[in-house]
Amino acid sequence: MELENIIVEVLKTIYDPEIPVDIYELGLIYEVKVDQENNVEIDMTLTSPNCPVAETMPKEVEDKVGLIEGVNSSKVNIVFDPPWDKDMMSEEAKLELGFL
């Protein structure tokens, strides 16, 4: 399996504490970049800038991705552009939360 796909699988094990959906399906992951040395850089957002897990969630993402075999380093960039909204959720997440 390609490293990027493995990273996505790991991201799907991390949940927003206020919403019973993983951060990938929520649309909080904007981009996963893997360079030739397997350094991983992830652009992610939070449901709000005042999110209670603003400090801990990016660290959890960095730590879990950093533990994947083959990953050299892991860095998370928190971005608020574009701001997250519920339209960024996957169909599965919208269904789960009753938006469909």
C-alpha atoms as a PDB file:
ATOM      1  CA  MET A   1       0.000   0.000   0.000  1.00  0.00           C
ATOM      2  CA  GLU A   2       1.272   3.450  -0.860  1.00  0.00           C
ATOM      3  CA  LEU A   3       2.514   5.473   2.108  1.00  0.00           C
ATOM      4  CA  GLU A   4      -0.015   8.247   1.480  1.00  0.00           C
ATOM      5  CA  ASN A   5      -2.885   5.734   1.681  1.00  0.00           C
ATOM      6  CA  ILE A   6      -1.512   4.341   4.952  1.00  0.00           C
ATOM      7  CA  ILE A   7      -1.349   7.895   6.332  1.00  0.00           C
ATOM      8  CA  VAL A   8      -4.995   8.471   5.372  1.00  0.00           C
ATOM      9  CA  GLU A   9      -5.971   5.217   7.131  1.00  0.00           C
ATOM     10  CA  VAL A  10      -4.228   6.442  10.302  1.00  0.00           C
ATOM     11  CA  LEU A  11      -5.911   9.863  10.022  1.00  0.00           C
ATOM     12  CA  LYS A  12      -9.253   8.050   9.934  1.00  0.00           C
ATOM     13  CA  THR A  13      -8.539   6.738  13.454  1.00  0.00           C
ATOM     14  CA  ILE A  14      -8.408  10.282  14.916  1.00  0.00           C
ATOM     15  CA  TYR A  15     -11.738  11.748  15.957  1.00  0.00           C
ATOM     16  CA  ASP A  16     -12.914  15.246  16.686  1.00  0.00           C
ATOM     17  CA  PRO A  17     -13.964  15.065  20.360  1.00  0.00           C
ATOM     18  CA  GLU A  18     -17.180  17.020  19.766  1.00  0.00           C
ATOM     19  CA  ILE A  19     -18.328  15.193  16.624  1.00  0.00           C
ATOM     20  CA  PRO A  20     -18.419  11.383  16.308  1.00  0.00           C
ATOM     21  CA  VAL A  21     -16.663  11.439  12.913  1.00  0.00           C
ATOM     22  CA  ASP A  22     -12.971  11.088  12.102  1.00  0.00           C
ATOM     23  CA  ILE A  23     -10.981  14.158  11.069  1.00  0.00           C
ATOM     24  CA  TYR A  24     -10.464  12.890   7.511  1.00  0.00           C
ATOM     25  CA  GLU A  25     -14.176  12.362   6.787  1.00  0.00           C
ATOM     26  CA  LEU A  26     -14.914  15.702   8.473  1.00  0.00           C
ATOM     27  CA  GLY A  27     -12.804  17.396   5.817  1.00  0.00           C
ATOM     28  CA  LEU A  28     -10.289  18.775   8.317  1.00  0.00           C
ATOM     29  CA  ILE A  29      -7.332  17.417   6.314  1.00  0.00           C
ATOM     30  CA  TYR A  30      -6.624  19.724   3.393  1.00  0.00           C
ATOM     31  CA  GLU A  31      -3.441  18.150   2.077  1.00  0.00           C
ATOM     32  CA  VAL A  32      -0.996  15.322   2.792  1.00  0.00           C
ATOM     33  CA  LYS A  33       2.437  15.816   1.239  1.00  0.00           C
ATOM     34  CA  VAL A  34       5.149  13.161   1.278  1.00  0.00           C
ATOM     35  CA  ASP A  35       8.592  14.106  -0.047  1.00  0.00           C
ATOM     36  CA  GLN A  36      11.278  11.777  -1.424  1.00  0.00           C
ATOM     37  CA  GLU A  37      12.746  11.205   2.042  1.00  0.00           C
ATOM     38  CA  ASN A  38       9.287  10.259   3.398  1.00  0.00           C
ATOM     39  CA  ASN A  39       8.964  13.447   5.403  1.00  0.00           C
ATOM     40  CA  VAL A  40       5.249  14.053   5.797  1.00  0.00           C
ATOM     41  CA  GLU A  41       3.642  17.470   5.917  1.00  0.00           C
ATOM     42  CA  ILE A  42      -0.079  17.750   6.589  1.00  0.00           C
ATOM     43  CA  ASP A  43      -2.183  20.865   6.128  1.00  0.00           C
ATOM     44  CA  MET A  44      -5.212  20.620   8.366  1.00  0.00           C
ATOM     45  CA  THR A  45      -7.785  22.913   9.864  1.00  0.00           C
ATOM     46  CA  LEU A  46     -10.024  22.800  12.905  1.00  0.00           C
ATOM     47  CA  THR A  47     -13.783  23.179  13.016  1.00  0.00           C
ATOM     48  CA  SER A  48     -13.167  26.552  14.687  1.00  0.00           C
ATOM     49  CA  PRO A  49     -10.131  28.612  15.716  1.00  0.00           C
ATOM     50  CA  ASN A  50     -11.355  28.303  19.312  1.00  0.00           C
ATOM     51  CA  CYS A  51     -11.566  24.517  19.068  1.00  0.00           C
ATOM     52  CA  PRO A  52     -10.839  23.018  22.523  1.00  0.00           C
ATOM     53  CA  VAL A  53      -8.335  20.582  20.981  1.00  0.00           C
ATOM     54  CA  ALA A  54      -6.412  23.237  19.016  1.00  0.00           C
ATOM     55  CA  GLU A  55      -3.299  22.407  21.031  1.00  0.00           C
ATOM     56  CA  THR A  56      -3.605  18.638  21.315  1.00  0.00           C
ATOM     57  CA  MET A  57      -5.115  17.442  18.021  1.00  0.00           C
ATOM     58  CA  PRO A  58      -2.276  18.601  15.704  1.00  0.00           C
ATOM     59  CA  LYS A  59       0.210  16.954  18.092  1.00  0.00           C
ATOM     60  CA  GLU A  60      -1.841  13.721  18.063  1.00  0.00           C
ATOM     61  CA  VAL A  61      -1.846  13.775  14.237  1.00  0.00           C
ATOM     62  CA  GLU A  62       1.935  14.391  14.131  1.00  0.00           C
ATOM     63  CA  ASP A  63       2.607  11.643  16.679  1.00  0.00           C
ATOM     64  CA  LYS A  64       0.396   8.985  15.052  1.00  0.00           C
ATOM     65  CA  VAL A  65       1.644   9.710  11.533  1.00  0.00           C
ATOM     66  CA  GLY A  66       5.229   9.797  12.833  1.00  0.00           C
ATOM     67  CA  LEU A  67       4.830   6.227  14.144  1.00  0.00           C
ATOM     68  CA  ILE A  68       3.974   4.816  10.704  1.00  0.00           C
ATOM     69  CA  GLU A  69       6.710   2.526   9.423  1.00  0.00           C
ATOM     70  CA  GLY A  70       8.680   4.304   6.726  1.00  0.00           C
ATOM     71  CA  VAL A  71       7.735   7.835   7.784  1.00  0.00           C
ATOM     72  CA  ASN A  72      10.883   9.852   8.467  1.00  0.00           C
ATOM     73  CA  SER A  73       9.244  12.917  10.034  1.00  0.00           C
ATOM     74  CA  SER A  74       5.777  14.341  10.475  1.00  0.00           C
ATOM     75  CA  LYS A  75       4.720  17.989  10.608  1.00  0.00           C
ATOM     76  CA  VAL A  76       1.225  19.486  10.855  1.00  0.00           C
ATOM     77  CA  ASN A  77       0.416  22.977   9.617  1.00  0.00           C
ATOM     78  CA  ILE A  78      -2.814  24.429  10.992  1.00  0.00           C
ATOM     79  CA  VAL A  79      -4.515  26.606   8.406  1.00  0.00           C
ATOM     80  CA  PHE A  80      -7.783  28.511   8.522  1.00  0.00           C
ATOM     81  CA  ASP A  81      -7.877  29.422   4.844  1.00  0.00           C
ATOM     82  CA  PRO A  82     -10.250  28.352   3.547  1.00  0.00           C
ATOM     83  CA  PRO A  83     -12.285  28.255   6.770  1.00  0.00           C
ATOM     84  CA  TRP A  84     -13.864  24.875   7.446  1.00  0.00           C
ATOM     85  CA  ASP A  85     -17.589  24.450   6.984  1.00  0.00           C
ATOM     86  CA  LYS A  86     -19.886  21.465   6.922  1.00  0.00           C
ATOM     87  CA  ASP A  87     -19.839  21.286   3.113  1.00  0.00           C
ATOM     88  CA  MET A  88     -16.270  19.965   3.370  1.00  0.00           C
ATOM     89  CA  MET A  89     -17.460  16.774   5.065  1.00  0.00           C
ATOM     90  CA  SER A  90     -17.646  13.537   3.106  1.00  0.00           C
ATOM     91  CA  GLU A  91     -21.075  12.173   2.183  1.00  0.00           C
ATOM     92  CA  GLU A  92     -20.486   9.490   4.834  1.00  0.00           C
ATOM     93  CA  ALA A  93     -19.901  12.100   7.553  1.00  0.00           C
ATOM     94  CA  LYS A  94     -22.938  14.145   6.485  1.00  0.00           C
ATOM     95  CA  LEU A  95     -25.068  10.998   6.623  1.00  0.00           C
ATOM     96  CA  GLU A  96     -23.687  10.074  10.059  1.00  0.00           C
ATOM     97  CA  LEU A  97     -24.516  13.526  11.427  1.00  0.00           C
ATOM     98  CA  GLY A  98     -27.933  13.763   9.797  1.00  0.00           C
ATOM     99  CA  PHE A  99     -27.095  16.480   7.251  1.00  0.00           C
ATOM    100  CA  LEU A 100     -28.441  14.376   4.361  1.00  0.00           C
END
